[in-house]
Amino acid sequence: MSDLVMMTLTFWHGSKVPGDTVEVRPEDVDSWKGYAVPADTTAPAAEKTAPKQAAAEPPKAPVK
């Protein structure tokens, strides 16, 4: 039995929504192009960095 590749959906597929993880056969990875990307098996980099602070006020439009 061949190993399966974990992929994260980027588009809807049946009852699955973007962000869900699916298992695909290695030879079928190319057919999922545009619908899924290889799943990141490591911890997300966003958790390692400090969150950015939002500006107190949004920038104002220039006055004419």
N, C-alpha and C. Protein backbone atom coordinates (compact mmCIF):
# COMPACT_ATOMS: atom_id res chain seq x y z
N MET A 1 0.85 -1.17 0.00
CA MET A 1 0.00 0.00 0.00
C MET A 1 0.90 1.24 0.00
N SER A 2 0.55 2.21 -0.84
CA SER A 2 1.37 3.41 -0.93
C SER A 2 1.01 4.39 0.18
N ASP A 3 1.96 5.27 0.49
CA ASP A 3 1.73 6.29 1.51
C ASP A 3 0.80 7.35 0.95
N LEU A 4 0.09 8.02 1.82
CA LEU A 4 -0.81 9.09 1.42
C LEU A 4 -0.17 10.43 1.73
N VAL A 5 -0.52 11.42 0.93
CA VAL A 5 -0.01 12.77 1.10
C VAL A 5 -1.12 13.62 1.70
N MET A 6 -0.80 14.37 2.75
CA MET A 6 -1.78 15.26 3.36
C MET A 6 -1.79 16.57 2.60
N MET A 7 -2.99 17.04 2.23
CA MET A 7 -3.12 18.30 1.51
C MET A 7 -4.22 19.13 2.15
N THR A 8 -4.03 20.44 2.14
CA THR A 8 -5.00 21.38 2.69
C THR A 8 -5.77 21.98 1.53
N LEU A 9 -7.10 21.91 1.61
CA LEU A 9 -7.93 22.43 0.54
C LEU A 9 -7.87 23.94 0.45
N THR A 10 -7.88 24.46 -0.77
CA THR A 10 -7.94 25.90 -1.01
C THR A 10 -9.24 26.25 -1.70
N PHE A 11 -10.06 25.24 -1.99
CA PHE A 11 -11.33 25.43 -2.68
C PHE A 11 -12.29 24.37 -2.17
N TRP A 12 -13.58 24.58 -2.31
CA TRP A 12 -14.57 23.63 -1.85
C TRP A 12 -14.50 22.34 -2.65
N HIS A 13 -14.72 21.21 -1.99
CA HIS A 13 -14.73 19.90 -2.64
C HIS A 13 -15.74 19.03 -1.90
N GLY A 14 -16.91 18.84 -2.51
CA GLY A 14 -17.96 18.06 -1.85
C GLY A 14 -18.40 18.76 -0.58
N SER A 15 -18.38 18.06 0.53
CA SER A 15 -18.79 18.65 1.81
C SER A 15 -17.61 19.30 2.55
N LYS A 16 -16.42 19.23 1.96
CA LYS A 16 -15.23 19.83 2.58
C LYS A 16 -15.13 21.30 2.20
N VAL A 17 -14.59 22.10 3.11
CA VAL A 17 -14.43 23.53 2.88
C VAL A 17 -12.95 23.88 2.86
N PRO A 18 -12.59 25.05 2.30
CA PRO A 18 -11.18 25.46 2.31
C PRO A 18 -10.60 25.44 3.72
N GLY A 19 -9.40 24.90 3.85
CA GLY A 19 -8.76 24.78 5.15
C GLY A 19 -8.82 23.37 5.69
N ASP A 20 -9.78 22.56 5.21
CA ASP A 20 -9.85 21.16 5.64
C ASP A 20 -8.67 20.39 5.06
N THR A 21 -8.28 19.32 5.71
CA THR A 21 -7.17 18.49 5.27
C THR A 21 -7.71 17.20 4.66
N VAL A 22 -7.15 16.81 3.52
CA VAL A 22 -7.53 15.57 2.86
C VAL A 22 -6.28 14.74 2.61
N GLU A 23 -6.45 13.43 2.47
CA GLU A 23 -5.35 12.53 2.16
C GLU A 23 -5.50 12.10 0.70
N VAL A 24 -4.42 12.24 -0.06
CA VAL A 24 -4.43 11.86 -1.47
C VAL A 24 -3.25 10.97 -1.79
N ARG A 25 -3.40 10.15 -2.80
CA ARG A 25 -2.29 9.31 -3.24
C ARG A 25 -1.24 10.19 -3.90
N PRO A 26 0.03 9.85 -3.76
CA PRO A 26 1.10 10.67 -4.35
C PRO A 26 0.94 10.89 -5.86
N GLU A 27 0.44 9.89 -6.56
CA GLU A 27 0.29 10.04 -8.02
C GLU A 27 -0.88 10.95 -8.40
N ASP A 28 -1.76 11.29 -7.43
CA ASP A 28 -2.90 12.16 -7.70
C ASP A 28 -2.67 13.61 -7.27
N VAL A 29 -1.50 13.92 -6.72
CA VAL A 29 -1.23 15.26 -6.22
C VAL A 29 -1.39 16.30 -7.33
N ASP A 30 -0.89 16.00 -8.53
CA ASP A 30 -0.98 16.96 -9.64
C ASP A 30 -2.44 17.26 -10.01
N SER A 31 -3.33 16.31 -9.87
CA SER A 31 -4.73 16.55 -10.23
C SER A 31 -5.44 17.44 -9.21
N TRP A 32 -4.85 17.63 -8.04
CA TRP A 32 -5.43 18.50 -7.01
C TRP A 32 -4.90 19.92 -7.13
N LYS A 33 -4.04 20.20 -8.10
CA LYS A 33 -3.46 21.53 -8.27
C LYS A 33 -4.59 22.55 -8.48
N GLY A 34 -4.55 23.62 -7.70
CA GLY A 34 -5.58 24.65 -7.77
C GLY A 34 -6.69 24.43 -6.75
N TYR A 35 -6.80 23.21 -6.23
CA TYR A 35 -7.82 22.90 -5.24
C TYR A 35 -7.24 22.65 -3.86
N ALA A 36 -5.94 22.29 -3.81
CA ALA A 36 -5.30 21.98 -2.53
C ALA A 36 -3.79 22.21 -2.64
N VAL A 37 -3.18 22.45 -1.49
CA VAL A 37 -1.73 22.62 -1.40
C VAL A 37 -1.21 21.60 -0.39
N PRO A 38 0.06 21.23 -0.48
CA PRO A 38 0.61 20.30 0.51
C PRO A 38 0.42 20.85 1.93
N ALA A 39 -0.04 20.00 2.82
CA ALA A 39 -0.28 20.43 4.21
C ALA A 39 1.04 20.67 4.92
N ASP A 40 1.07 21.69 5.74
CA ASP A 40 2.25 22.01 6.53
C ASP A 40 2.21 21.14 7.78
N THR A 41 3.15 20.22 7.90
CA THR A 41 3.15 19.31 9.05
C THR A 41 3.89 19.89 10.24
N THR A 42 4.57 21.03 10.05
CA THR A 42 5.26 21.67 11.15
C THR A 42 4.35 22.70 11.80
N ALA A 43 4.76 23.23 12.94
CA ALA A 43 3.97 24.25 13.62
C ALA A 43 3.95 25.51 12.76
N PRO A 44 2.81 26.16 12.67
CA PRO A 44 2.72 27.38 11.87
C PRO A 44 3.67 28.46 12.37
N ALA A 45 4.29 29.19 11.47
CA ALA A 45 5.24 30.23 11.83
C ALA A 45 4.55 31.38 12.55
N ALA A 46 3.25 31.56 12.31
CA ALA A 46 2.52 32.65 12.94
C ALA A 46 2.48 32.49 14.46
N GLU A 47 2.48 31.27 14.94
CA GLU A 47 2.46 31.06 16.39
C GLU A 47 3.81 31.39 17.04
N LYS A 48 4.88 31.32 16.27
CA LYS A 48 6.21 31.57 16.81
C LYS A 48 6.52 33.06 16.92
N THR A 49 5.87 33.88 16.09
CA THR A 49 6.14 35.31 16.11
C THR A 49 5.08 36.03 16.93
N ALA A 50 5.44 37.18 17.44
CA ALA A 50 4.48 37.97 18.22
C ALA A 50 3.45 38.58 17.28
N PRO A 51 2.19 38.65 17.71
CA PRO A 51 1.17 39.25 16.85
C PRO A 51 1.41 40.74 16.68
N LYS A 52 1.09 41.25 15.51
CA LYS A 52 1.28 42.67 15.23
C LYS A 52 0.12 43.45 15.85
N GLN A 53 0.44 44.63 16.36
CA GLN A 53 -0.57 45.47 16.96
C GLN A 53 -1.27 46.27 15.86
N ALA A 54 -2.59 46.32 15.94
CA ALA A 54 -3.36 47.09 14.97
C ALA A 54 -3.26 48.57 15.31
N ALA A 55 -3.32 49.41 14.31
CA ALA A 55 -3.26 50.85 14.54
C ALA A 55 -4.51 51.29 15.29
N ALA A 56 -4.36 52.28 16.17
CA ALA A 56 -5.49 52.76 16.97
C ALA A 56 -6.56 53.37 16.07
N GLU A 57 -6.14 54.14 15.06
CA GLU A 57 -7.09 54.74 14.13
C GLU A 57 -6.66 54.41 12.72
N PRO A 58 -7.64 54.13 11.85
CA PRO A 58 -7.26 53.87 10.45
C PRO A 58 -6.76 55.16 9.81
N PRO A 59 -5.92 55.06 8.78
CA PRO A 59 -5.42 56.27 8.13
C PRO A 59 -6.57 57.07 7.53
N LYS A 60 -6.46 58.38 7.61
CA LYS A 60 -7.51 59.24 7.09
C LYS A 60 -7.25 59.56 5.63
N ALA A 61 -8.33 59.77 4.89
CA ALA A 61 -8.23 60.13 3.50
C ALA A 61 -7.71 61.55 3.37
N PRO A 62 -6.91 61.83 2.35
CA PRO A 62 -6.40 63.20 2.18
C PRO A 62 -7.53 64.18 1.91
N VAL A 63 -7.40 65.38 2.44
CA VAL A 63 -8.41 66.43 2.28
C VAL A 63 -8.11 67.17 0.99
N LYS A 64 -9.12 67.40 0.19
CA LYS A 64 -8.94 68.11 -1.08
C LYS A 64 -9.13 69.59 -0.89
